Protein backbone atom coordinates (compact mmCIF):
# COMPACT_ATOMS: atom_id res chain seq x y z
CA MET A 1 193.72 55.62 204.97
CA ARG A 2 192.63 55.49 201.78
CA THR A 3 193.07 51.12 201.66
CA LEU A 4 191.23 50.84 204.70
CA VAL A 5 188.28 52.62 203.66
CA LYS A 6 188.56 50.74 199.79
CA PHE A 7 189.22 47.51 202.21
CA ALA A 8 186.38 48.07 203.51
CA PHE A 9 184.67 48.69 200.63
CA LEU A 10 185.49 45.58 198.94
CA PHE A 11 184.83 43.75 202.12
CA THR A 12 181.22 44.82 202.63
CA VAL A 13 180.57 44.49 198.46
CA GLY A 14 181.60 41.04 198.79
CA ILE A 15 179.48 40.35 201.98
CA LEU A 16 176.38 41.74 199.30
CA ILE A 17 177.37 39.39 196.80
CA SER A 18 177.00 36.98 198.87
CA CYS A 19 173.90 36.58 200.34
CA GLY A 20 172.08 37.64 197.45
CA GLY A 21 171.51 35.67 194.14
CA LYS A 22 171.51 32.03 195.28
CA GLU A 23 167.83 30.36 195.15
CA GLU A 24 166.72 26.94 196.32
CA LYS A 25 165.43 24.86 194.10
CA LYS A 26 162.36 23.24 194.95
CA GLU A 27 161.65 20.01 194.04
CA GLU A 28 158.40 19.47 192.40
CA GLY A 29 159.14 15.24 191.30
CA LEU A 30 157.09 12.72 192.82
CA LYS A 31 158.72 10.45 195.29
CA ILE A 32 158.04 6.73 196.23
CA GLY A 33 156.00 5.98 198.90
CA GLN A 34 154.79 9.44 199.09
CA LYS A 35 151.49 11.52 198.46
CA PRO A 36 150.50 14.12 195.53
CA LYS A 37 149.99 17.29 197.25
CA VAL A 38 147.21 18.98 196.40
CA GLU A 39 145.74 21.72 196.75
CA GLN A 40 142.81 23.20 198.28
CA LYS A 41 141.66 25.66 200.63
CA GLU A 42 140.05 25.21 203.38
CA ASP A 43 138.05 27.98 203.18
CA GLU A 44 136.57 26.93 200.03
CA PRO A 45 132.81 25.38 199.39
CA VAL A 46 133.79 22.12 197.78
CA SER A 47 130.72 21.43 195.65
CA ASP A 48 128.79 23.73 193.03
CA GLU A 49 126.12 24.66 196.13
CA ILE A 50 124.11 28.12 196.12
CA PRO A 51 126.16 30.62 197.00
CA ALA A 52 125.07 31.27 200.38
CA SER A 53 124.25 34.79 200.46
CA GLN A 54 121.27 32.76 197.50
CA ARG A 55 121.08 29.83 199.77
CA ILE A 56 117.10 29.79 201.28
CA THR A 57 117.07 28.52 204.97
CA LEU A 58 113.39 30.01 205.92
CA ASP A 59 113.72 26.70 208.68
CA ASN A 60 117.12 27.71 210.25
CA LYS A 61 116.45 30.12 213.07
CA GLY A 62 120.68 30.32 213.80
CA VAL A 63 122.48 29.80 217.62
CA GLY A 64 121.21 32.92 219.97
CA LYS A 65 118.55 34.36 222.27
CA ILE A 66 116.25 34.71 219.68
CA LYS A 67 114.42 31.45 219.04
CA ASN A 68 110.46 32.23 218.21
CA LEU A 69 109.53 35.31 216.92
CA GLU A 70 106.34 36.33 215.41
CA LEU A 71 105.82 38.63 212.85
CA PRO A 72 102.69 41.03 212.58
CA ALA A 73 100.86 40.97 208.62
CA THR A 74 100.85 44.46 208.84
CA ILE A 75 103.82 46.60 208.51
CA ASP A 76 104.96 49.24 212.17
CA ASP A 77 105.74 52.31 210.09
CA ALA A 78 107.40 53.45 213.18
CA MET A 79 109.70 50.06 213.76
CA VAL A 80 110.71 50.82 210.28
CA GLU A 81 111.71 54.76 210.18
CA ARG A 82 114.25 54.17 212.98
CA GLY A 83 115.38 51.10 211.75
CA ALA A 84 116.18 51.91 208.24
CA ALA A 85 118.03 55.33 210.11
CA ILE A 86 120.01 52.15 212.15
CA PHE A 87 120.90 50.42 209.14
CA LYS A 88 122.28 53.55 207.71
CA THR A 89 124.00 54.61 210.83
CA ASN A 90 125.72 51.16 211.80
CA CYS A 91 125.11 48.51 208.51
CA THR A 92 126.40 50.70 205.70
CA ALA A 93 129.49 50.29 205.72
CA CYS A 94 129.46 47.38 204.56
CA HIS A 95 126.17 46.12 203.21
CA LYS A 96 124.19 48.30 200.19
CA ILE A 97 120.55 47.43 199.31
CA GLY A 98 120.49 45.62 196.25
CA LYS A 99 123.30 44.91 195.51
CA ARG A 100 127.11 43.36 196.24
CA PHE A 101 129.34 44.98 198.72
CA ILE A 102 131.70 43.63 201.56
CA GLY A 103 128.62 41.85 202.43
CA PRO A 104 125.10 40.65 201.52
CA SER A 105 122.86 43.00 200.18
CA PRO A 106 119.94 42.88 202.78
CA SER A 107 117.53 42.87 200.22
CA GLY A 108 115.69 39.98 199.23
CA ILE A 109 116.48 38.06 202.57
CA MET A 110 113.00 38.10 204.29
CA GLU A 111 112.59 35.31 200.98
CA ARG A 112 115.93 34.30 202.01
CA ARG A 113 116.10 33.64 206.27
CA SER A 114 114.68 33.49 208.97
CA PRO A 115 113.13 36.09 211.44
CA GLU A 116 114.97 34.67 214.47
CA TRP A 117 118.31 33.99 212.21
CA ILE A 118 118.54 37.93 210.82
CA MET A 119 117.64 39.10 214.93
CA ASN A 120 120.33 35.93 215.55
CA MET A 121 122.97 37.57 213.44
CA ILE A 122 122.46 40.77 214.18
CA LEU A 123 122.42 40.59 217.38
CA ASP A 124 125.41 38.14 217.34
CA PRO A 125 127.28 37.92 214.55
CA GLN A 126 130.82 35.84 216.22
CA LEU A 127 128.40 33.01 218.00
CA MET A 128 126.61 32.80 214.93
CA VAL A 129 129.57 32.47 212.23
CA ALA A 130 131.09 29.28 214.87
CA GLU A 131 128.50 28.26 215.32
CA ASP A 132 125.91 28.34 212.06
CA ARG A 133 126.47 26.23 208.76
CA CYS A 134 125.08 29.27 206.78
CA ALA A 135 127.15 31.84 208.67
CA LYS A 136 130.05 29.60 208.57
CA ASP A 137 129.29 30.20 204.81
CA LEU A 138 128.57 33.68 204.68
CA LEU A 139 132.46 34.48 206.66
CA ILE A 140 133.87 32.42 203.25
CA GLU A 141 131.27 33.67 200.37
CA PHE A 142 132.33 37.21 201.19
CA ASN A 143 136.16 36.49 201.54
CA GLY A 144 136.66 36.62 205.54
CA ALA A 145 134.71 39.12 206.62
CA ALA A 146 133.25 39.31 208.61
CA MET A 147 130.27 40.69 210.51
CA ALA A 148 130.54 43.27 213.00
CA ASN A 149 128.85 42.88 216.24
CA GLN A 150 127.27 46.41 216.65
CA ASN A 151 125.99 45.47 220.23
CA MET A 152 122.46 46.11 218.93
CA THR A 153 119.72 46.29 221.49
CA GLU A 154 117.06 43.11 220.78
CA ALA A 155 114.65 46.65 219.61
CA GLN A 156 116.91 48.35 217.27
CA ALA A 157 117.45 44.65 216.38
CA ARG A 158 114.42 44.43 215.24
CA ASP A 159 113.31 47.84 214.00
CA ILE A 160 115.68 46.36 210.82
CA LEU A 161 114.43 43.32 211.15
CA GLU A 162 111.20 45.49 209.77
CA TYR A 163 112.67 47.92 208.17
CA PHE A 164 114.40 44.41 205.54
CA ARG A 165 110.66 43.75 205.28
CA THR A 166 110.44 46.13 203.29
CA LEU A 167 112.97 46.25 200.58
CA LYS A 168 112.31 43.38 198.32
């Protein structure tokens, strides 16, 4: 019986040794007729342009059902209060006022984006990322952290937009 146990042990050790330890060496040289490999991530911006979070695109209305939105000259305090509450409940997991987090800060967004773009992004972030260049660039800049669709109504998105008007 001892001989059988020793044989099984040696057999197992032999198999383990034969399975590990080998490294295949990868040829890094260039062969005739072969193009050199250039490593570049597809999602990285190719130029030294301004990051999407700082880019000003006020003429871009985005993609979605909001085509035109006229904002009154005065800020509606009731809408701001509702918008702040909605933002605190639904958005602060990823967006922080005044600083970069998982997503961009909404501070000063009204100086960088059109009201229509903001509303469309809140209402349908997947469509925006699929079809809007700035939204795609933001996705890349923030390491692929896509904005979650919170299934907001137009009224809720408008309240958040009014809250954003108060952020500088």
